[in-house]
Amino acid sequence: PTIVINIELDEPIRVKRLEERGLVLDSNEQKLV
């Protein structure tokens, strides 16, 4: 790539966003949480 942009977020905010989506997390995403 020309450039790679990595975006981070405080974990409580990230988890809240995931919950608001209402999607079932796969095993890898569950492990991240």
Full PDB file with SEQRES, HELIX, SHEET, SSBOND, CRYST1, ORIGX, SCALE, CONECT and MASTER records, all heavy atoms in Angstrom:
SEQRES   1 A   33  PRO THR ILE VAL ILE ASN ILE GLU LEU ASP GLU PRO ILE          
SEQRES   2 A   33  ARG VAL LYS ARG LEU GLU GLU ARG GLY LEU VAL LEU ASP          
SEQRES   3 A   33  SER ASN GLU GLN LYS LEU VAL                                  
HELIX    1 AA1 GLU A   11  ARG A   21  1                                  11    
HELIX    2 AA2 SER A   27  LEU A   32  1                                   6    
CRYST1    1.000    1.000    1.000  90.00  90.00  90.00 P 1           1          
ORIGX1      1.000000  0.000000  0.000000        0.00000                         
ORIGX2      0.000000  1.000000  0.000000        0.00000                         
ORIGX3      0.000000  0.000000  1.000000        0.00000                         
SCALE1      1.000000  0.000000  0.000000        0.00000                         
SCALE2      0.000000  1.000000  0.000000        0.00000                         
SCALE3      0.000000  0.000000  1.000000        0.00000                         
ATOM      1  N   PRO A   1       0.831  -1.217   0.000  1.00  0.00           N  
ATOM      2  CA  PRO A   1       0.000   0.000   0.000  1.00  0.00           C  
ATOM      3  C   PRO A   1       0.863   1.264   0.000  1.00  0.00           C  
ATOM      4  O   PRO A   1       2.032   1.234   0.378  1.00  0.00           O  
ATOM      5  CB  PRO A   1      -0.789  -0.106   1.316  1.00  0.00           C  
ATOM      6  CG  PRO A   1      -0.620  -1.509   1.780  1.00  0.00           C  
ATOM      7  CD  PRO A   1       0.678  -1.983   1.239  1.00  0.00           C  
ATOM      8  N   THR A   2       0.251   2.356  -0.399  1.00  0.00           N  
ATOM      9  CA  THR A   2       0.904   3.653  -0.283  1.00  0.00           C  
ATOM     10  C   THR A   2       0.937   4.083   1.182  1.00  0.00           C  
ATOM     11  O   THR A   2       1.928   4.640   1.654  1.00  0.00           O  
ATOM     12  CB  THR A   2       0.137   4.712  -1.097  1.00  0.00           C  
ATOM     13  OG1 THR A   2      -0.156   4.190  -2.387  1.00  0.00           O  
ATOM     14  CG2 THR A   2       0.947   5.988  -1.224  1.00  0.00           C  
ATOM     15  N   ILE A   3      -0.159   3.821   1.882  1.00  0.00           N  
ATOM     16  CA  ILE A   3      -0.281   4.212   3.282  1.00  0.00           C  
ATOM     17  C   ILE A   3      -1.260   3.267   3.970  1.00  0.00           C  
ATOM     18  O   ILE A   3      -2.219   2.795   3.361  1.00  0.00           O  
ATOM     19  CB  ILE A   3      -0.750   5.693   3.395  1.00  0.00           C  
ATOM     20  CG1 ILE A   3      -0.678   6.202   4.829  1.00  0.00           C  
ATOM     21  CG2 ILE A   3      -2.149   5.868   2.806  1.00  0.00           C  
ATOM     22  CD1 ILE A   3      -0.889   7.723   4.936  1.00  0.00           C  
ATOM     23  N   VAL A   4      -0.989   2.961   5.241  1.00  0.00           N  
ATOM     24  CA  VAL A   4      -1.886   2.125   6.052  1.00  0.00           C  
ATOM     25  C   VAL A   4      -2.308   2.934   7.270  1.00  0.00           C  
ATOM     26  O   VAL A   4      -1.472   3.337   8.077  1.00  0.00           O  
ATOM     27  CB  VAL A   4      -1.212   0.815   6.501  1.00  0.00           C  
ATOM     28  CG1 VAL A   4      -2.179  -0.026   7.338  1.00  0.00           C  
ATOM     29  CG2 VAL A   4      -0.718   0.015   5.291  1.00  0.00           C  
ATOM     30  N   ILE A   5      -3.614   3.166   7.399  1.00  0.00           N  
ATOM     31  CA  ILE A   5      -4.163   3.979   8.483  1.00  0.00           C  
ATOM     32  C   ILE A   5      -4.874   3.054   9.473  1.00  0.00           C  
ATOM     33  O   ILE A   5      -5.863   2.409   9.133  1.00  0.00           O  
ATOM     34  CB  ILE A   5      -5.142   5.032   7.942  1.00  0.00           C  
ATOM     35  CG1 ILE A   5      -4.426   5.951   6.941  1.00  0.00           C  
ATOM     36  CG2 ILE A   5      -5.752   5.850   9.087  1.00  0.00           C  
ATOM     37  CD1 ILE A   5      -5.356   6.863   6.175  1.00  0.00           C  
ATOM     38  N   ASN A   6      -4.368   3.006  10.682  1.00  0.00           N  
ATOM     39  CA  ASN A   6      -4.918   2.166  11.739  1.00  0.00           C  
ATOM     40  C   ASN A   6      -5.730   3.034  12.698  1.00  0.00           C  
ATOM     41  O   ASN A   6      -5.213   3.999  13.247  1.00  0.00           O  
ATOM     42  CB  ASN A   6      -3.780   1.457  12.482  1.00  0.00           C  
ATOM     43  CG  ASN A   6      -4.266   0.635  13.657  1.00  0.00           C  
ATOM     44  OD1 ASN A   6      -5.279  -0.055  13.575  1.00  0.00           O  
ATOM     45  ND2 ASN A   6      -3.538   0.696  14.755  1.00  0.00           N  
ATOM     46  N   ILE A   7      -6.991   2.687  12.898  1.00  0.00           N  
ATOM     47  CA  ILE A   7      -7.865   3.472  13.770  1.00  0.00           C  
ATOM     48  C   ILE A   7      -8.108   2.714  15.071  1.00  0.00           C  
ATOM     49  O   ILE A   7      -8.464   1.528  15.062  1.00  0.00           O  
ATOM     50  CB  ILE A   7      -9.210   3.778  13.080  1.00  0.00           C  
ATOM     51  CG1 ILE A   7      -8.980   4.541  11.775  1.00  0.00           C  
ATOM     52  CG2 ILE A   7     -10.119   4.585  14.015  1.00  0.00           C  
ATOM     53  CD1 ILE A   7     -10.232   4.785  10.975  1.00  0.00           C  
ATOM     54  N   GLU A   8      -7.909   3.404  16.189  1.00  0.00           N  
ATOM     55  CA  GLU A   8      -8.145   2.824  17.509  1.00  0.00           C  
ATOM     56  C   GLU A   8      -9.240   3.589  18.241  1.00  0.00           C  
ATOM     57  O   GLU A   8      -9.529   4.746  17.937  1.00  0.00           O  
ATOM     58  CB  GLU A   8      -6.859   2.828  18.344  1.00  0.00           C  
ATOM     59  CG  GLU A   8      -5.780   1.914  17.806  1.00  0.00           C  
ATOM     60  CD  GLU A   8      -4.592   1.798  18.739  1.00  0.00           C  
ATOM     61  OE1 GLU A   8      -4.509   2.579  19.720  1.00  0.00           O  
ATOM     62  OE2 GLU A   8      -3.738   0.930  18.496  1.00  0.00           O  
ATOM     63  N   LEU A   9      -9.820   2.897  19.232  1.00  0.00           N  
ATOM     64  CA  LEU A   9     -10.911   3.468  20.025  1.00  0.00           C  
ATOM     65  C   LEU A   9     -10.838   2.864  21.410  1.00  0.00           C  
ATOM     66  O   LEU A   9     -10.481   1.688  21.563  1.00  0.00           O  
ATOM     67  CB  LEU A   9     -12.244   3.104  19.357  1.00  0.00           C  
ATOM     68  CG  LEU A   9     -13.486   3.953  19.644  1.00  0.00           C  
ATOM     69  CD1 LEU A   9     -13.284   5.384  19.143  1.00  0.00           C  
ATOM     70  CD2 LEU A   9     -14.687   3.335  18.950  1.00  0.00           C  
ATOM     71  N   ASP A  10     -11.176   3.643  22.443  1.00  0.00           N  
ATOM     72  CA  ASP A  10     -11.242   3.077  23.794  1.00  0.00           C  
ATOM     73  C   ASP A  10     -12.176   1.885  23.802  1.00  0.00           C  
ATOM     74  O   ASP A  10     -13.259   1.928  23.198  1.00  0.00           O  
ATOM     75  CB  ASP A  10     -11.723   4.131  24.795  1.00  0.00           C  
ATOM     76  CG  ASP A  10     -10.614   5.070  25.233  1.00  0.00           C  
ATOM     77  OD1 ASP A  10      -9.456   4.879  24.791  1.00  0.00           O  
ATOM     78  OD2 ASP A  10     -10.890   6.020  25.998  1.00  0.00           O  
ATOM     79  N   GLU A  11     -11.789   0.831  24.504  1.00  0.00           N  
ATOM     80  CA  GLU A  11     -12.516  -0.428  24.433  1.00  0.00           C  
ATOM     81  C   GLU A  11     -13.982  -0.339  24.868  1.00  0.00           C  
ATOM     82  O   GLU A  11     -14.851  -0.911  24.196  1.00  0.00           O  
ATOM     83  CB  GLU A  11     -11.793  -1.500  25.247  1.00  0.00           C  
ATOM     84  CG  GLU A  11     -12.362  -2.901  25.119  1.00  0.00           C  
ATOM     85  CD  GLU A  11     -12.349  -3.448  23.701  1.00  0.00           C  
ATOM     86  OE1 GLU A  11     -11.713  -2.826  22.810  1.00  0.00           O  
ATOM     87  OE2 GLU A  11     -12.982  -4.498  23.469  1.00  0.00           O  
ATOM     88  N   PRO A  12     -14.331   0.347  25.953  1.00  0.00           N  
ATOM     89  CA  PRO A  12     -15.755   0.428  26.311  1.00  0.00           C  
ATOM     90  C   PRO A  12     -16.615   1.037  25.205  1.00  0.00           C  
ATOM     91  O   PRO A  12     -17.745   0.595  24.978  1.00  0.00           O  
ATOM     92  CB  PRO A  12     -15.754   1.318  27.566  1.00  0.00           C  
ATOM     93  CG  PRO A  12     -14.395   1.134  28.154  1.00  0.00           C  
ATOM     94  CD  PRO A  12     -13.481   1.001  26.975  1.00  0.00           C  
ATOM     95  N   ILE A  13     -16.087   2.029  24.521  1.00  0.00           N  
ATOM     96  CA  ILE A  13     -16.834   2.658  23.426  1.00  0.00           C  
ATOM     97  C   ILE A  13     -16.958   1.697  22.256  1.00  0.00           C  
ATOM     98  O   ILE A  13     -18.019   1.581  21.629  1.00  0.00           O  
ATOM     99  CB  ILE A  13     -16.143   3.970  22.987  1.00  0.00           C  
ATOM    100  CG1 ILE A  13     -16.100   4.968  24.143  1.00  0.00           C  
ATOM    101  CG2 ILE A  13     -16.858   4.580  21.782  1.00  0.00           C  
ATOM    102  CD1 ILE A  13     -15.314   6.228  23.848  1.00  0.00           C  
ATOM    103  N   ARG A  14     -15.873   0.989  21.954  1.00  0.00           N  
ATOM    104  CA  ARG A  14     -15.903   0.024  20.858  1.00  0.00           C  
ATOM    105  C   ARG A  14     -16.926  -1.078  21.117  1.00  0.00           C  
ATOM    106  O   ARG A  14     -17.718  -1.440  20.246  1.00  0.00           O  
ATOM    107  CB  ARG A  14     -14.509  -0.590  20.666  1.00  0.00           C  
ATOM    108  CG  ARG A  14     -14.383  -1.455  19.409  1.00  0.00           C  
ATOM    109  CD  ARG A  14     -13.016  -2.109  19.332  1.00  0.00           C  
ATOM    110  NE  ARG A  14     -12.942  -3.268  20.193  1.00  0.00           N  
ATOM    111  CZ  ARG A  14     -13.318  -4.497  19.834  1.00  0.00           C  
ATOM    112  NH1 ARG A  14     -13.819  -4.720  18.632  1.00  0.00           N  
ATOM    113  NH2 ARG A  14     -13.196  -5.502  20.679  1.00  0.00           N  
ATOM    114  N   VAL A  15     -16.922  -1.614  22.335  1.00  0.00           N  
ATOM    115  CA  VAL A  15     -17.857  -2.684  22.694  1.00  0.00           C  
ATOM    116  C   VAL A  15     -19.297  -2.192  22.627  1.00  0.00           C  
ATOM    117  O   VAL A  15     -20.191  -2.904  22.144  1.00  0.00           O  
ATOM    118  CB  VAL A  15     -17.541  -3.236  24.106  1.00  0.00           C  
ATOM    119  CG1 VAL A  15     -18.629  -4.193  24.569  1.00  0.00           C  
ATOM    120  CG2 VAL A  15     -16.185  -3.939  24.101  1.00  0.00           C  
ATOM    121  N   LYS A  16     -19.530  -0.964  23.074  1.00  0.00           N  
ATOM    122  CA  LYS A  16     -20.880  -0.388  23.014  1.00  0.00           C  
ATOM    123  C   LYS A  16     -21.355  -0.300  21.572  1.00  0.00           C  
ATOM    124  O   LYS A  16     -22.524  -0.612  21.259  1.00  0.00           O  
ATOM    125  CB  LYS A  16     -20.899   0.986  23.672  1.00  0.00           C  
ATOM    126  CG  LYS A  16     -22.289   1.624  23.703  1.00  0.00           C  
ATOM    127  CD  LYS A  16     -22.262   2.984  24.385  1.00  0.00           C  
ATOM    128  CE  LYS A  16     -23.650   3.606  24.392  1.00  0.00           C  
ATOM    129  NZ  LYS A  16     -23.653   4.946  25.033  1.00  0.00           N  
ATOM    130  N   ARG A  17     -20.475   0.097  20.690  1.00  0.00           N  
ATOM    131  CA  ARG A  17     -20.836   0.164  19.272  1.00  0.00           C  
ATOM    132  C   ARG A  17     -21.202  -1.217  18.727  1.00  0.00           C  
ATOM    133  O   ARG A  17     -22.154  -1.366  17.960  1.00  0.00           O  
ATOM    134  CB  ARG A  17     -19.677   0.746  18.460  1.00  0.00           C  
ATOM    135  CG  ARG A  17     -19.469   2.235  18.639  1.00  0.00           C  
ATOM    136  CD  ARG A  17     -18.411   2.728  17.669  1.00  0.00           C  
ATOM    137  NE  ARG A  17     -18.155   4.152  17.810  1.00  0.00           N  
ATOM    138  CZ  ARG A  17     -17.277   4.820  17.068  1.00  0.00           C  
ATOM    139  NH1 ARG A  17     -16.585   4.190  16.137  1.00  0.00           N  
ATOM    140  NH2 ARG A  17     -17.101   6.107  17.243  1.00  0.00           N  
ATOM    141  N   LEU A  18     -20.438  -2.217  19.104  1.00  0.00           N  
ATOM    142  CA  LEU A  18     -20.731  -3.582  18.651  1.00  0.00           C  
ATOM    143  C   LEU A  18     -22.088  -4.041  19.160  1.00  0.00           C  
ATOM    144  O   LEU A  18     -22.863  -4.676  18.436  1.00  0.00           O  
ATOM    145  CB  LEU A  18     -19.639  -4.543  19.127  1.00  0.00           C  
ATOM    146  CG  LEU A  18     -18.242  -4.350  18.532  1.00  0.00           C  
ATOM    147  CD1 LEU A  18     -17.257  -5.322  19.166  1.00  0.00           C  
ATOM    148  CD2 LEU A  18     -18.260  -4.523  17.017  1.00  0.00           C  
ATOM    149  N   GLU A  19     -22.380  -3.728  20.412  1.00  0.00           N  
ATOM    150  CA  GLU A  19     -23.675  -4.112  20.997  1.00  0.00           C  
ATOM    151  C   GLU A  19     -24.820  -3.419  20.276  1.00  0.00           C  
ATOM    152  O   GLU A  19     -25.883  -4.005  20.047  1.00  0.00           O  
ATOM    153  CB  GLU A  19     -23.685  -3.773  22.486  1.00  0.00           C  
ATOM    154  CG  GLU A  19     -22.752  -4.643  23.319  1.00  0.00           C  
ATOM    155  CD  GLU A  19     -22.653  -4.177  24.753  1.00  0.00           C  
ATOM    156  OE1 GLU A  19     -23.096  -3.035  25.046  1.00  0.00           O  
ATOM    157  OE2 GLU A  19     -22.112  -4.931  25.593  1.00  0.00           O  
ATOM    158  N   GLU A  20     -24.616  -2.165  19.913  1.00  0.00           N  
ATOM    159  CA  GLU A  20     -25.667  -1.409  19.222  1.00  0.00           C  
ATOM    160  C   GLU A  20     -25.961  -1.966  17.831  1.00  0.00           C  
ATOM    161  O   GLU A  20     -27.053  -1.810  17.311  1.00  0.00           O  
ATOM    162  CB  GLU A  20     -25.267   0.066  19.134  1.00  0.00           C  
ATOM    163  CG  GLU A  20     -25.315   0.785  20.487  1.00  0.00           C  
ATOM    164  CD  GLU A  20     -24.742   2.191  20.422  1.00  0.00           C  
ATOM    165  OE1 GLU A  20     -24.101   2.525  19.392  1.00  0.00           O  
ATOM    166  OE2 GLU A  20     -24.925   2.944  21.394  1.00  0.00           O  
ATOM    167  N   ARG A  21     -24.990  -2.617  17.247  1.00  0.00           N  
ATOM    168  CA  ARG A  21     -25.201  -3.236  15.935  1.00  0.00           C  
ATOM    169  C   ARG A  21     -26.140  -4.436  16.024  1.00  0.00           C  
ATOM    170  O   ARG A  21     -26.825  -4.777  15.064  1.00  0.00           O  
ATOM    171  CB  ARG A  21     -23.871  -3.702  15.344  1.00  0.00           C  
ATOM    172  CG  ARG A  21     -22.943  -2.586  14.918  1.00  0.00           C  
ATOM    173  CD  ARG A  21     -21.688  -3.176  14.316  1.00  0.00           C  
ATOM    174  NE  ARG A  21     -20.693  -2.169  13.973  1.00  0.00           N  
ATOM    175  CZ  ARG A  21     -19.492  -2.459  13.473  1.00  0.00           C  
ATOM    176  NH1 ARG A  21     -19.153  -3.727  13.263  1.00  0.00           N  
ATOM    177  NH2 ARG A  21     -18.649  -1.486  13.181  1.00  0.00           N  
ATOM    178  N   GLY A  22     -26.132  -5.092  17.181  1.00  0.00           N  
ATOM    179  CA  GLY A  22     -27.003  -6.245  17.392  1.00  0.00           C  
ATOM    180  C   GLY A  22     -26.592  -7.479  16.621  1.00  0.00           C  
ATOM    181  O   GLY A  22     -27.403  -8.401  16.421  1.00  0.00           O  
ATOM    182  N   LEU A  23     -25.322  -7.537  16.186  1.00  0.00           N  
ATOM    183  CA  LEU A  23     -24.853  -8.686  15.418  1.00  0.00           C  
ATOM    184  C   LEU A  23     -24.248  -9.740  16.335  1.00  0.00           C  
ATOM    185  O   LEU A  23     -23.697  -9.426  17.393  1.00  0.00           O  
ATOM    186  CB  LEU A  23     -23.803  -8.243  14.393  1.00  0.00           C  
ATOM    187  CG  LEU A  23     -24.255  -7.201  13.363  1.00  0.00           C  
ATOM    188  CD1 LEU A  23     -23.082  -6.809  12.475  1.00  0.00           C  
ATOM    189  CD2 LEU A  23     -25.408  -7.733  12.515  1.00  0.00           C  
ATOM    190  N   VAL A  24     -24.345 -10.992  15.941  1.00  0.00           N  
ATOM    191  CA  VAL A  24     -23.717 -12.078  16.684  1.00  0.00           C  
ATOM    192  C   VAL A  24     -22.229 -12.082  16.362  1.00  0.00           C  
ATOM    193  O   VAL A  24     -21.835 -12.143  15.194  1.00  0.00           O  
ATOM    194  CB  VAL A  24     -24.339 -13.443  16.311  1.00  0.00           C  
ATOM    195  CG1 VAL A  24     -23.624 -14.566  17.052  1.00  0.00           C  
ATOM    196  CG2 VAL A  24     -25.823 -13.450  16.622  1.00  0.00           C  
ATOM    197  N   LEU A  25     -21.385 -12.011  17.393  1.00  0.00           N  
ATOM    198  CA  LEU A  25     -19.949 -11.984  17.181  1.00  0.00           C  
ATOM    199  C   LEU A  25     -19.434 -13.390  16.918  1.00  0.00           C  
ATOM    200  O   LEU A  25     -19.861 -14.349  17.558  1.00  0.00           O  
ATOM    201  CB  LEU A  25     -19.244 -11.414  18.411  1.00  0.00           C  
ATOM    202  CG  LEU A  25     -19.650 -10.004  18.860  1.00  0.00           C  
ATOM    203  CD1 LEU A  25     -18.831  -9.586  20.063  1.00  0.00           C  
ATOM    204  CD2 LEU A  25     -19.486  -8.994  17.730  1.00  0.00           C  
ATOM    205  N   ASP A  26     -18.489 -13.518  15.980  1.00  0.00           N  
ATOM    206  CA  ASP A  26     -17.865 -14.826  15.782  1.00  0.00           C  
ATOM    207  C   ASP A  26     -16.877 -15.074  16.916  1.00  0.00           C  
ATOM    208  O   ASP A  26     -16.645 -14.208  17.770  1.00  0.00           O  
ATOM    209  CB  ASP A  26     -17.201 -14.931  14.404  1.00  0.00           C  
ATOM    210  CG  ASP A  26     -16.031 -13.961  14.219  1.00  0.00           C  
ATOM    211  OD1 ASP A  26     -15.473 -13.479  15.217  1.00  0.00           O  
ATOM    212  OD2 ASP A  26     -15.672 -13.694  13.060  1.00  0.00           O  
ATOM    213  N   SER A  27     -16.282 -16.255  16.955  1.00  0.00           N  
ATOM    214  CA  SER A  27     -15.425 -16.632  18.077  1.00  0.00           C  
ATOM    215  C   SER A  27     -14.222 -15.707  18.216  1.00  0.00           C  
ATOM    216  O   SER A  27     -13.783 -15.387  19.325  1.00  0.00           O  
ATOM    217  CB  SER A  27     -14.948 -18.084  17.915  1.00  0.00           C  
ATOM    218  OG  SER A  27     -14.249 -18.240  16.690  1.00  0.00           O  
ATOM    219  N   ASN A  28     -13.698 -15.240  17.088  1.00  0.00           N  
ATOM    220  CA  ASN A  28     -12.530 -14.368  17.143  1.00  0.00           C  
ATOM    221  C   ASN A  28     -12.902 -12.994  17.700  1.00  0.00           C  
ATOM    222  O   ASN A  28     -12.176 -12.437  18.533  1.00  0.00           O  
ATOM    223  CB  ASN A  28     -11.921 -14.220  15.748  1.00  0.00           C  
ATOM    224  CG  ASN A  28     -10.523 -13.649  15.786  1.00  0.00           C  
ATOM    225  OD1 ASN A  28      -9.587 -14.329  16.190  1.00  0.00           O  
ATOM    226  ND2 ASN A  28     -10.365 -12.405  15.370  1.00  0.00           N  
ATOM    227  N   GLU A  29     -14.044 -12.452  17.254  1.00  0.00           N  
ATOM    228  CA  GLU A  29     -14.487 -11.156  17.767  1.00  0.00           C  
ATOM    229  C   GLU A  29     -14.846 -11.248  19.248  1.00  0.00           C  
ATOM    230  O   GLU A  29     -14.609 -10.318  20.020  1.00  0.00           O  
ATOM    231  CB  GLU A  29     -15.669 -10.643  16.958  1.00  0.00           C  
ATOM    232  CG  GLU A  29     -15.329 -10.253  15.530  1.00  0.00           C  
ATOM    233  CD  GLU A  29     -14.308  -9.139  15.452  1.00  0.00           C  
ATOM    234  OE1 GLU A  29     -14.223  -8.334  16.404  1.00  0.00           O  
ATOM    235  OE2 GLU A  29     -13.582  -9.069  14.452  1.00  0.00           O  
ATOM    236  N   GLN A  30     -15.429 -12.375  19.651  1.00  0.00           N  
ATOM    237  CA  GLN A  30     -15.755 -12.582  21.060  1.00  0.00           C  
ATOM    238  C   GLN A  30     -14.488 -12.605  21.906  1.00  0.00           C  
ATOM    239  O   GLN A  30     -14.447 -12.057  23.011  1.00  0.00           O  
ATOM    240  CB  GLN A  30     -16.524 -13.892  21.236  1.00  0.00           C  
ATOM    241  CG  GLN A  30     -17.222 -14.026  22.587  1.00  0.00           C  
ATOM    242  CD  GLN A  30     -18.322 -12.993  22.791  1.00  0.00           C  
ATOM    243  OE1 GLN A  30     -19.100 -12.724  21.881  1.00  0.00           O  
ATOM    244  NE2 GLN A  30     -18.369 -12.403  23.974  1.00  0.00           N  
ATOM    245  N   LYS A  31     -13.446 -13.218  21.369  1.00  0.00           N  
ATOM    246  CA  LYS A  31     -12.166 -13.275  22.083  1.00  0.00           C  
ATOM    247  C   LYS A  31     -11.571 -11.881  22.232  1.00  0.00           C  
ATOM    248  O   LYS A  31     -10.990 -11.554  23.275  1.00  0.00           O  
ATOM    249  CB  LYS A  31     -11.201 -14.199  21.329  1.00  0.00           C  
ATOM    250  CG  LYS A  31      -9.876 -14.474  22.055  1.00  0.00           C  
ATOM    251  CD  LYS A  31      -9.041 -15.497  21.307  1.00  0.00           C  
ATOM    252  CE  LYS A  31      -7.723 -15.749  22.009  1.00  0.00           C  
ATOM    253  NZ  LYS A  31      -7.914 -16.438  23.316  1.00  0.00           N  
ATOM    254  N   LEU A  32     -11.726 -11.061  21.216  1.00  0.00           N  
ATOM    255  CA  LEU A  32     -11.233  -9.686  21.300  1.00  0.00           C  
ATOM    256  C   LEU A  32     -11.910  -8.912  22.416  1.00  0.00           C  
ATOM    257  O   LEU A  32     -11.281  -8.092  23.093  1.00  0.00           O  
ATOM    258  CB  LEU A  32     -11.458  -8.965  19.967  1.00  0.00           C  
ATOM    259  CG  LEU A  32     -10.413  -9.176  18.880  1.00  0.00           C  
ATOM    260  CD1 LEU A  32     -10.906  -8.604  17.561  1.00  0.00           C  
ATOM    261  CD2 LEU A  32      -9.088  -8.535  19.263  1.00  0.00           C  
ATOM    262  N   VAL A  33     -13.194  -9.157  22.612  1.00  0.00           N  
ATOM    263  CA  VAL A  33     -13.942  -8.467  23.657  1.00  0.00           C  
ATOM    264  C   VAL A  33     -13.547  -8.971  25.040  1.00  0.00           C  
ATOM    265  O   VAL A  33     -13.367  -8.188  25.983  1.00  0.00           O  
ATOM    266  CB  VAL A  33     -15.461  -8.647  23.445  1.00  0.00           C  
ATOM    267  CG1 VAL A  33     -16.239  -8.108  24.642  1.00  0.00           C  
ATOM    268  CG2 VAL A  33     -15.898  -7.938  22.164  1.00  0.00           C  
TER     269      VAL A  33                                                      
MASTER        0    0    0    2    0    0    0    6  268    1    0    3          
END                                                                             
